Amino acid sequence: GGPVEDSWNLLCAGSFDEDVAAVERAGRSRVICAVAA
């Protein structure tokens, strides 16, 4: 949990819309993985 806008690597696991929203908020300066992707 917590904010997705930081610089940590990120894994999103939610509904399609929840994952999309999290990825849109997150920066691209780290590794991002989402189930929806």
Full PDB file with SEQRES, HELIX, SHEET, SSBOND, CRYST1, ORIGX, SCALE, CONECT and MASTER records, all heavy atoms in Angstrom:
SEQRES   1 A   37  GLY GLY PRO VAL GLU ASP SER TRP ASN LEU LEU CYS ALA          
SEQRES   2 A   37  GLY SER PHE ASP GLU ASP VAL ALA ALA VAL GLU ARG ALA          
SEQRES   3 A   37  GLY ARG SER ARG VAL ILE CYS ALA VAL ALA ALA                  
HELIX    1 AA1 PHE A   16  ARG A   25  1                                  10    
SHEET    1 AA1 2 LEU A  10  CYS A  12  0                                        
SHEET    2 AA1 2 ILE A  32  ALA A  34  1                                        
CRYST1    1.000    1.000    1.000  90.00  90.00  90.00 P 1           1          
ORIGX1      1.000000  0.000000  0.000000        0.00000                         
ORIGX2      0.000000  1.000000  0.000000        0.00000                         
ORIGX3      0.000000  0.000000  1.000000        0.00000                         
SCALE1      1.000000  0.000000  0.000000        0.00000                         
SCALE2      0.000000  1.000000  0.000000        0.00000                         
SCALE3      0.000000  0.000000  1.000000        0.00000                         
ATOM      1  N   GLY A   1       0.806  -1.202   0.000  1.00  0.00           N  
ATOM      2  CA  GLY A   1       0.000   0.000   0.000  1.00  0.00           C  
ATOM      3  C   GLY A   1       0.841   1.254   0.000  1.00  0.00           C  
ATOM      4  O   GLY A   1       2.061   1.218  -0.155  1.00  0.00           O  
ATOM      5  N   GLY A   2       0.160   2.388   0.153  1.00  0.00           N  
ATOM      6  CA  GLY A   2       0.851   3.669   0.184  1.00  0.00           C  
ATOM      7  C   GLY A   2       0.822   4.365  -1.162  1.00  0.00           C  
ATOM      8  O   GLY A   2       0.223   3.876  -2.128  1.00  0.00           O  
ATOM      9  N   PRO A   3       1.474   5.512  -1.277  1.00  0.00           N  
ATOM     10  CA  PRO A   3       1.434   6.305  -2.517  1.00  0.00           C  
ATOM     11  C   PRO A   3       2.214   5.634  -3.636  1.00  0.00           C  
ATOM     12  O   PRO A   3       3.280   5.054  -3.412  1.00  0.00           O  
ATOM     13  CB  PRO A   3       2.097   7.624  -2.106  1.00  0.00           C  
ATOM     14  CG  PRO A   3       3.011   7.242  -0.986  1.00  0.00           C  
ATOM     15  CD  PRO A   3       2.303   6.150  -0.230  1.00  0.00           C  
ATOM     16  N   VAL A   4       1.683   5.702  -4.850  1.00  0.00           N  
ATOM     17  CA  VAL A   4       2.363   5.097  -5.993  1.00  0.00           C  
ATOM     18  C   VAL A   4       3.236   6.107  -6.725  1.00  0.00           C  
ATOM     19  O   VAL A   4       3.871   5.765  -7.722  1.00  0.00           O  
ATOM     20  CB  VAL A   4       1.343   4.491  -6.984  1.00  0.00           C  
ATOM     21  CG1 VAL A   4       0.515   3.419  -6.310  1.00  0.00           C  
ATOM     22  CG2 VAL A   4       0.450   5.569  -7.581  1.00  0.00           C  
ATOM     23  N   GLU A   5       3.272   7.344  -6.229  1.00  0.00           N  
ATOM     24  CA  GLU A   5       4.009   8.383  -6.934  1.00  0.00           C  
ATOM     25  C   GLU A   5       5.492   8.423  -6.559  1.00  0.00           C  
ATOM     26  O   GLU A   5       6.251   9.238  -7.077  1.00  0.00           O  
ATOM     27  CB  GLU A   5       3.390   9.763  -6.653  1.00  0.00           C  
ATOM     28  CG  GLU A   5       2.010   9.954  -7.243  1.00  0.00           C  
ATOM     29  CD  GLU A   5       0.895   9.405  -6.357  1.00  0.00           C  
ATOM     30  OE1 GLU A   5       1.214   8.868  -5.258  1.00  0.00           O  
ATOM     31  OE2 GLU A   5      -0.281   9.497  -6.746  1.00  0.00           O  
ATOM     32  N   ASP A   6       5.931   7.562  -5.633  1.00  0.00           N  
ATOM     33  CA  ASP A   6       7.330   7.602  -5.218  1.00  0.00           C  
ATOM     34  C   ASP A   6       8.214   6.878  -6.240  1.00  0.00           C  
ATOM     35  O   ASP A   6       7.762   6.540  -7.330  1.00  0.00           O  
ATOM     36  CB  ASP A   6       7.497   7.017  -3.811  1.00  0.00           C  
ATOM     37  CG  ASP A   6       7.060   5.559  -3.736  1.00  0.00           C  
ATOM     38  OD1 ASP A   6       6.949   4.917  -4.785  1.00  0.00           O  
ATOM     39  OD2 ASP A   6       6.837   5.067  -2.608  1.00  0.00           O  
ATOM     40  N   SER A   7       9.462   6.619  -5.878  1.00  0.00           N  
ATOM     41  CA  SER A   7      10.415   6.046  -6.830  1.00  0.00           C  
ATOM     42  C   SER A   7      10.635   4.550  -6.638  1.00  0.00           C  
ATOM     43  O   SER A   7      11.507   3.964  -7.296  1.00  0.00           O  
ATOM     44  CB  SER A   7      11.762   6.772  -6.705  1.00  0.00           C  
ATOM     45  OG  SER A   7      12.286   6.621  -5.395  1.00  0.00           O  
ATOM     46  N   TRP A   8       9.861   3.901  -5.774  1.00  0.00           N  
ATOM     47  CA  TRP A   8      10.024   2.467  -5.551  1.00  0.00           C  
ATOM     48  C   TRP A   8       9.502   1.681  -6.758  1.00  0.00           C  
ATOM     49  O   TRP A   8       8.575   2.119  -7.456  1.00  0.00           O  
ATOM     50  CB  TRP A   8       9.251   2.039  -4.316  1.00  0.00           C  
ATOM     51  CG  TRP A   8       9.868   2.469  -3.017  1.00  0.00           C  
ATOM     52  CD1 TRP A   8      10.600   3.595  -2.787  1.00  0.00           C  
ATOM     53  CD2 TRP A   8       9.797   1.781  -1.781  1.00  0.00           C  
ATOM     54  NE1 TRP A   8      10.982   3.659  -1.482  1.00  0.00           N  
ATOM     55  CE2 TRP A   8      10.498   2.558  -0.830  1.00  0.00           C  
ATOM     56  CE3 TRP A   8       9.195   0.594  -1.366  1.00  0.00           C  
ATOM     57  CZ2 TRP A   8      10.636   2.178   0.488  1.00  0.00           C  
ATOM     58  CZ3 TRP A   8       9.313   0.215  -0.041  1.00  0.00           C  
ATOM     59  CH2 TRP A   8      10.033   0.989   0.879  1.00  0.00           C  
ATOM     60  N   ASN A   9      10.085   0.488  -6.974  1.00  0.00           N  
ATOM     61  CA  ASN A   9       9.483  -0.430  -7.928  1.00  0.00           C  
ATOM     62  C   ASN A   9       8.051  -0.713  -7.486  1.00  0.00           C  
ATOM     63  O   ASN A   9       7.752  -0.698  -6.284  1.00  0.00           O  
ATOM     64  CB  ASN A   9      10.276  -1.729  -8.010  1.00  0.00           C  
ATOM     65  CG  ASN A   9      11.615  -1.560  -8.698  1.00  0.00           C  
ATOM     66  OD1 ASN A   9      11.850  -0.553  -9.385  1.00  0.00           O  
ATOM     67  ND2 ASN A   9      12.502  -2.526  -8.521  1.00  0.00           N  
ATOM     68  N   LEU A  10       7.172  -0.971  -8.457  1.00  0.00           N  
ATOM     69  CA  LEU A  10       5.743  -1.019  -8.161  1.00  0.00           C  
ATOM     70  C   LEU A  10       5.078  -2.228  -8.798  1.00  0.00           C  
ATOM     71  O   LEU A  10       5.303  -2.524  -9.980  1.00  0.00           O  
ATOM     72  CB  LEU A  10       5.068   0.256  -8.682  1.00  0.00           C  
ATOM     73  CG  LEU A  10       3.544   0.367  -8.532  1.00  0.00           C  
ATOM     74  CD1 LEU A  10       3.151   0.445  -7.066  1.00  0.00           C  
ATOM     75  CD2 LEU A  10       3.033   1.587  -9.300  1.00  0.00           C  
ATOM     76  N   LEU A  11       4.255  -2.919  -8.022  1.00  0.00           N  
ATOM     77  CA  LEU A  11       3.383  -3.977  -8.530  1.00  0.00           C  
ATOM     78  C   LEU A  11       1.948  -3.613  -8.195  1.00  0.00           C  
ATOM     79  O   LEU A  11       1.620  -3.378  -7.027  1.00  0.00           O  
ATOM     80  CB  LEU A  11       3.731  -5.329  -7.905  1.00  0.00           C  
ATOM     81  CG  LEU A  11       2.770  -6.490  -8.239  1.00  0.00           C  
ATOM     82  CD1 LEU A  11       2.819  -6.823  -9.720  1.00  0.00           C  
ATOM     83  CD2 LEU A  11       3.079  -7.721  -7.395  1.00  0.00           C  
ATOM     84  N   CYS A  12       1.077  -3.564  -9.212  1.00  0.00           N  
ATOM     85  CA  CYS A  12      -0.342  -3.251  -9.030  1.00  0.00           C  
ATOM     86  C   CYS A  12      -1.165  -4.512  -9.253  1.00  0.00           C  
ATOM     87  O   CYS A  12      -1.025  -5.173 -10.288  1.00  0.00           O  
ATOM     88  CB  CYS A  12      -0.805  -2.190 -10.032  1.00  0.00           C  
ATOM     89  SG  CYS A  12       0.195  -0.708 -10.088  1.00  0.00           S  
ATOM     90  N   ALA A  13      -2.026  -4.817  -8.315  1.00  0.00           N  
ATOM     91  CA  ALA A  13      -2.909  -5.976  -8.439  1.00  0.00           C  
ATOM     92  C   ALA A  13      -4.302  -5.559  -8.013  1.00  0.00           C  
ATOM     93  O   ALA A  13      -4.607  -5.500  -6.824  1.00  0.00           O  
ATOM     94  CB  ALA A  13      -2.407  -7.129  -7.580  1.00  0.00           C  
ATOM     95  N   GLY A  14      -5.149  -5.252  -8.979  1.00  0.00           N  
ATOM     96  CA  GLY A  14      -6.518  -4.854  -8.676  1.00  0.00           C  
ATOM     97  C   GLY A  14      -7.407  -5.145  -9.858  1.00  0.00           C  
ATOM     98  O   GLY A  14      -7.075  -5.965 -10.716  1.00  0.00           O  
ATOM     99  N   SER A  15      -8.539  -4.498  -9.919  1.00  0.00           N  
ATOM    100  CA  SER A  15      -9.365  -4.585 -11.119  1.00  0.00           C  
ATOM    101  C   SER A  15      -8.650  -3.887 -12.264  1.00  0.00           C  
ATOM    102  O   SER A  15      -7.662  -3.159 -12.057  1.00  0.00           O  
ATOM    103  CB  SER A  15     -10.717  -3.923 -10.874  1.00  0.00           C  
ATOM    104  OG  SER A  15     -10.549  -2.513 -10.759  1.00  0.00           O  
ATOM    105  N   PHE A  16      -9.133  -4.077 -13.475  1.00  0.00           N  
ATOM    106  CA  PHE A  16      -8.514  -3.434 -14.637  1.00  0.00           C  
ATOM    107  C   PHE A  16      -8.456  -1.923 -14.437  1.00  0.00           C  
ATOM    108  O   PHE A  16      -7.400  -1.296 -14.621  1.00  0.00           O  
ATOM    109  CB  PHE A  16      -9.308  -3.780 -15.897  1.00  0.00           C  
ATOM    110  CG  PHE A  16      -8.699  -3.242 -17.171  1.00  0.00           C  
ATOM    111  CD1 PHE A  16      -7.729  -3.954 -17.838  1.00  0.00           C  
ATOM    112  CD2 PHE A  16      -9.105  -2.014 -17.684  1.00  0.00           C  
ATOM    113  CE1 PHE A  16      -7.155  -3.464 -19.020  1.00  0.00           C  
ATOM    114  CE2 PHE A  16      -8.553  -1.512 -18.848  1.00  0.00           C  
ATOM    115  CZ  PHE A  16      -7.574  -2.246 -19.515  1.00  0.00           C  
ATOM    116  N   ASP A  17      -9.561  -1.335 -14.039  1.00  0.00           N  
ATOM    117  CA  ASP A  17      -9.613   0.120 -13.875  1.00  0.00           C  
ATOM    118  C   ASP A  17      -8.719   0.594 -12.732  1.00  0.00           C  
ATOM    119  O   ASP A  17      -8.095   1.654 -12.819  1.00  0.00           O  
ATOM    120  CB  ASP A  17     -11.057   0.580 -13.645  1.00  0.00           C  
ATOM    121  CG  ASP A  17     -11.926   0.377 -14.879  1.00  0.00           C  
ATOM    122  OD1 ASP A  17     -11.377   0.378 -15.987  1.00  0.00           O  
ATOM    123  OD2 ASP A  17     -13.151   0.213 -14.712  1.00  0.00           O  
ATOM    124  N   GLU A  18      -8.652  -0.174 -11.644  1.00  0.00           N  
ATOM    125  CA  GLU A  18      -7.780   0.198 -10.529  1.00  0.00           C  
ATOM    126  C   GLU A  18      -6.317   0.180 -10.941  1.00  0.00           C  
ATOM    127  O   GLU A  18      -5.539   1.085 -10.597  1.00  0.00           O  
ATOM    128  CB  GLU A  18      -8.005  -0.752  -9.349  1.00  0.00           C  
ATOM    129  CG  GLU A  18      -9.327  -0.522  -8.619  1.00  0.00           C  
ATOM    130  CD  GLU A  18      -9.635  -1.621  -7.621  1.00  0.00           C  
ATOM    131  OE1 GLU A  18      -9.133  -2.758  -7.797  1.00  0.00           O  
ATOM    132  OE2 GLU A  18     -10.394  -1.354  -6.677  1.00  0.00           O  
ATOM    133  N   ASP A  19      -5.929  -0.836 -11.699  1.00  0.00           N  
ATOM    134  CA  ASP A  19      -4.539  -0.915 -12.157  1.00  0.00           C  
ATOM    135  C   ASP A  19      -4.198   0.220 -13.112  1.00  0.00           C  
ATOM    136  O   ASP A  19      -3.115   0.819 -13.033  1.00  0.00           O  
ATOM    137  CB  ASP A  19      -4.292  -2.257 -12.846  1.00  0.00           C  
ATOM    138  CG  ASP A  19      -4.041  -3.387 -11.858  1.00  0.00           C  
ATOM    139  OD1 ASP A  19      -4.111  -3.136 -10.641  1.00  0.00           O  
ATOM    140  OD2 ASP A  19      -3.773  -4.516 -12.306  1.00  0.00           O  
ATOM    141  N   VAL A  20      -5.101   0.512 -14.029  1.00  0.00           N  
ATOM    142  CA  VAL A  20      -4.869   1.606 -14.979  1.00  0.00           C  
ATOM    143  C   VAL A  20      -4.674   2.924 -14.241  1.00  0.00           C  
ATOM    144  O   VAL A  20      -3.760   3.698 -14.538  1.00  0.00           O  
ATOM    145  CB  VAL A  20      -6.030   1.706 -15.988  1.00  0.00           C  
ATOM    146  CG1 VAL A  20      -5.972   3.020 -16.769  1.00  0.00           C  
ATOM    147  CG2 VAL A  20      -5.983   0.521 -16.955  1.00  0.00           C  
ATOM    148  N   ALA A  21      -5.528   3.179 -13.262  1.00  0.00           N  
ATOM    149  CA  ALA A  21      -5.428   4.426 -12.501  1.00  0.00           C  
ATOM    150  C   ALA A  21      -4.098   4.508 -11.754  1.00  0.00           C  
ATOM    151  O   ALA A  21      -3.458   5.574 -11.705  1.00  0.00           O  
ATOM    152  CB  ALA A  21      -6.596   4.535 -11.521  1.00  0.00           C  
ATOM    153  N   ALA A  22      -3.652   3.388 -11.175  1.00  0.00           N  
ATOM    154  CA  ALA A  22      -2.393   3.386 -10.433  1.00  0.00           C  
ATOM    155  C   ALA A  22      -1.207   3.629 -11.358  1.00  0.00           C  
ATOM    156  O   ALA A  22      -0.293   4.394 -11.033  1.00  0.00           O  
ATOM    157  CB  ALA A  22      -2.225   2.064  -9.697  1.00  0.00           C  
ATOM    158  N   VAL A  23      -1.220   2.999 -12.521  1.00  0.00           N  
ATOM    159  CA  VAL A  23      -0.127   3.179 -13.477  1.00  0.00           C  
ATOM    160  C   VAL A  23      -0.089   4.611 -13.995  1.00  0.00           C  
ATOM    161  O   VAL A  23       0.985   5.204 -14.171  1.00  0.00           O  
ATOM    162  CB  VAL A  23      -0.249   2.176 -14.642  1.00  0.00           C  
ATOM    163  CG1 VAL A  23       0.749   2.503 -15.756  1.00  0.00           C  
ATOM    164  CG2 VAL A  23      -0.033   0.748 -14.146  1.00  0.00           C  
ATOM    165  N   GLU A  24      -1.234   5.200 -14.226  1.00  0.00           N  
ATOM    166  CA  GLU A  24      -1.285   6.575 -14.712  1.00  0.00           C  
ATOM    167  C   GLU A  24      -0.705   7.543 -13.678  1.00  0.00           C  
ATOM    168  O   GLU A  24      -0.068   8.540 -14.035  1.00  0.00           O  
ATOM    169  CB  GLU A  24      -2.731   6.970 -15.045  1.00  0.00           C  
ATOM    170  CG  GLU A  24      -3.301   6.305 -16.289  1.00  0.00           C  
ATOM    171  CD  GLU A  24      -2.796   6.934 -17.581  1.00  0.00           C  
ATOM    172  OE1 GLU A  24      -1.570   7.155 -17.704  1.00  0.00           O  
ATOM    173  OE2 GLU A  24      -3.616   7.211 -18.458  1.00  0.00           O  
ATOM    174  N   ARG A  25      -0.915   7.264 -12.393  1.00  0.00           N  
ATOM    175  CA  ARG A  25      -0.390   8.140 -11.353  1.00  0.00           C  
ATOM    176  C   ARG A  25       1.103   7.945 -11.128  1.00  0.00           C  
ATOM    177  O   ARG A  25       1.800   8.855 -10.686  1.00  0.00           O  
ATOM    178  CB  ARG A  25      -1.129   7.897 -10.015  1.00  0.00           C  
ATOM    179  CG  ARG A  25      -2.587   8.286 -10.021  1.00  0.00           C  
ATOM    180  CD  ARG A  25      -3.116   8.426  -8.589  1.00  0.00           C  
ATOM    181  NE  ARG A  25      -2.794   7.286  -7.739  1.00  0.00           N  
ATOM    182  CZ  ARG A  25      -3.534   6.192  -7.641  1.00  0.00           C  
ATOM    183  NH1 ARG A  25      -4.641   6.075  -8.375  1.00  0.00           N  
ATOM    184  NH2 ARG A  25      -3.183   5.206  -6.833  1.00  0.00           N  
ATOM    185  N   ALA A  26       1.573   6.759 -11.407  1.00  0.00           N  
ATOM    186  CA  ALA A  26       2.971   6.434 -11.124  1.00  0.00           C  
ATOM    187  C   ALA A  26       3.890   7.003 -12.193  1.00  0.00           C  
ATOM    188  O   ALA A  26       3.538   7.089 -13.376  1.00  0.00           O  
ATOM    189  CB  ALA A  26       3.142   4.918 -11.051  1.00  0.00           C  
ATOM    190  N   GLY A  27       5.084   7.390 -11.794  1.00  0.00           N  
ATOM    191  CA  GLY A  27       6.088   7.831 -12.756  1.00  0.00           C  
ATOM    192  C   GLY A  27       6.708   6.642 -13.461  1.00  0.00           C  
ATOM    193  O   GLY A  27       6.496   5.490 -13.087  1.00  0.00           O  
ATOM    194  N   ARG A  28       7.491   6.915 -14.495  1.00  0.00           N  
ATOM    195  CA  ARG A  28       8.107   5.835 -15.268  1.00  0.00           C  
ATOM    196  C   ARG A  28       9.608   5.713 -14.962  1.00  0.00           C  
ATOM    197  O   ARG A  28      10.357   5.148 -15.745  1.00  0.00           O  
ATOM    198  CB  ARG A  28       7.915   6.086 -16.769  1.00  0.00           C  
ATOM    199  CG  ARG A  28       6.475   6.023 -17.239  1.00  0.00           C  
ATOM    200  CD  ARG A  28       5.898   4.621 -17.099  1.00  0.00           C  
ATOM    201  NE  ARG A  28       4.684   4.468 -17.855  1.00  0.00           N  
ATOM    202  CZ  ARG A  28       3.491   4.783 -17.416  1.00  0.00           C  
ATOM    203  NH1 ARG A  28       3.364   5.281 -16.199  1.00  0.00           N  
ATOM    204  NH2 ARG A  28       2.424   4.613 -18.166  1.00  0.00           N  
ATOM    205  N   SER A  29      10.039   6.220 -13.809  1.00  0.00           N  
ATOM    206  CA  SER A  29      11.465   6.207 -13.494  1.00  0.00           C  
ATOM    207  C   SER A  29      11.882   4.937 -12.757  1.00  0.00           C  
ATOM    208  O   SER A  29      13.008   4.812 -12.336  1.00  0.00           O  
ATOM    209  CB  SER A  29      11.818   7.436 -12.642  1.00  0.00           C  
ATOM    210  OG  SER A  29      11.078   7.439 -11.435  1.00  0.00           O  
ATOM    211  N   ARG A  30      10.948   4.007 -12.566  1.00  0.00           N  
ATOM    212  CA  ARG A  30      11.261   2.740 -11.886  1.00  0.00           C  
ATOM    213  C   ARG A  30      10.528   1.614 -12.607  1.00  0.00           C  
ATOM    214  O   ARG A  30       9.818   1.819 -13.587  1.00  0.00           O  
ATOM    215  CB  ARG A  30      10.888   2.810 -10.415  1.00  0.00           C  
ATOM    216  CG  ARG A  30       9.457   3.039  -9.929  1.00  0.00           C  
ATOM    217  CD  ARG A  30       8.546   3.852 -10.596  1.00  0.00           C  
ATOM    218  NE  ARG A  30       7.377   4.453 -10.120  1.00  0.00           N  
ATOM    219  CZ  ARG A  30       6.692   4.350  -9.009  1.00  0.00           C  
ATOM    220  NH1 ARG A  30       7.067   3.607  -8.038  1.00  0.00           N  
ATOM    221  NH2 ARG A  30       5.602   5.027  -8.831  1.00  0.00           N  
ATOM    222  N   VAL A  31      10.687   0.401 -12.137  1.00  0.00           N  
ATOM    223  CA  VAL A  31      10.038  -0.756 -12.746  1.00  0.00           C  
ATOM    224  C   VAL A  31       8.593  -0.826 -12.269  1.00  0.00           C  
ATOM    225  O   VAL A  31       8.320  -0.779 -11.074  1.00  0.00           O  
ATOM    226  CB  VAL A  31      10.784  -2.048 -12.387  1.00  0.00           C  
ATOM    227  CG1 VAL A  31      10.072  -3.257 -12.999  1.00  0.00           C  
ATOM    228  CG2 VAL A  31      12.228  -1.987 -12.857  1.00  0.00           C  
ATOM    229  N   ILE A  32       7.658  -0.953 -13.219  1.00  0.00           N  
ATOM    230  CA  ILE A  32       6.236  -1.037 -12.902  1.00  0.00           C  
ATOM    231  C   ILE A  32       5.666  -2.301 -13.541  1.00  0.00           C  
ATOM    232  O   ILE A  32       5.892  -2.567 -14.729  1.00  0.00           O  
ATOM    233  CB  ILE A  32       5.459   0.184 -13.421  1.00  0.00           C  
ATOM    234  CG1 ILE A  32       5.978   1.467 -12.775  1.00  0.00           C  
ATOM    235  CG2 ILE A  32       3.961   0.021 -13.169  1.00  0.00           C  
ATOM    236  CD1 ILE A  32       5.347   2.719 -13.333  1.00  0.00           C  
ATOM    237  N   CYS A  33       4.917  -3.051 -12.761  1.00  0.00           N  
ATOM    238  CA  CYS A  33       4.223  -4.232 -13.270  1.00  0.00           C  
ATOM    239  C   CYS A  33       2.770  -4.160 -12.810  1.00  0.00           C  
ATOM    240  O   CYS A  33       2.495  -3.829 -11.658  1.00  0.00           O  
ATOM    241  CB  CYS A  33       4.878  -5.510 -12.748  1.00  0.00           C  
ATOM    242  SG  CYS A  33       4.093  -7.044 -13.320  1.00  0.00           S  
ATOM    243  N   ALA A  34       1.845  -4.456 -13.721  1.00  0.00           N  
ATOM    244  CA  ALA A  34       0.419  -4.426 -13.400  1.00  0.00           C  
ATOM    245  C   ALA A  34      -0.267  -5.647 -13.989  1.00  0.00           C  
ATOM    246  O   ALA A  34       0.011  -6.038 -15.127  1.00  0.00           O  
ATOM    247  CB  ALA A  34      -0.236  -3.150 -13.953  1.00  0.00           C  
ATOM    248  N   VAL A  35      -1.154  -6.240 -13.208  1.00  0.00           N  
ATOM    249  CA  VAL A  35      -1.908  -7.384 -13.708  1.00  0.00           C  
ATOM    250  C   VAL A  35      -2.697  -6.987 -14.954  1.00  0.00           C  
ATOM    251  O   VAL A  35      -2.765  -7.733 -15.932  1.00  0.00           O  
ATOM    252  CB  VAL A  35      -2.844  -7.930 -12.618  1.00  0.00           C  
ATOM    253  CG1 VAL A  35      -3.788  -8.986 -13.193  1.00  0.00           C  
ATOM    254  CG2 VAL A  35      -2.041  -8.527 -11.458  1.00  0.00           C  
ATOM    255  N   ALA A  36      -3.277  -5.782 -14.957  1.00  0.00           N  
ATOM    256  CA  ALA A  36      -4.078  -5.324 -16.093  1.00  0.00           C  
ATOM    257  C   ALA A  36      -3.281  -5.209 -17.374  1.00  0.00           C  
ATOM    258  O   ALA A  36      -3.830  -5.302 -18.476  1.00  0.00           O  
ATOM    259  CB  ALA A  36      -4.718  -3.974 -15.773  1.00  0.00           C  
ATOM    260  N   ALA A  37      -1.963  -5.008 -17.259  1.00  0.00           N  
ATOM    261  CA  ALA A  37      -1.129  -4.846 -18.452  1.00  0.00           C  
ATOM    262  C   ALA A  37      -0.928  -6.161 -19.191  1.00  0.00           C  
ATOM    263  O   ALA A  37      -0.261  -6.192 -20.233  1.00  0.00           O  
ATOM    264  CB  ALA A  37       0.225  -4.249 -18.065  1.00  0.00           C  
TER     265      ALA A  37                                                      
MASTER        0    0    0    1    2    0    0    6  264    1    0    3          
END                                                                             
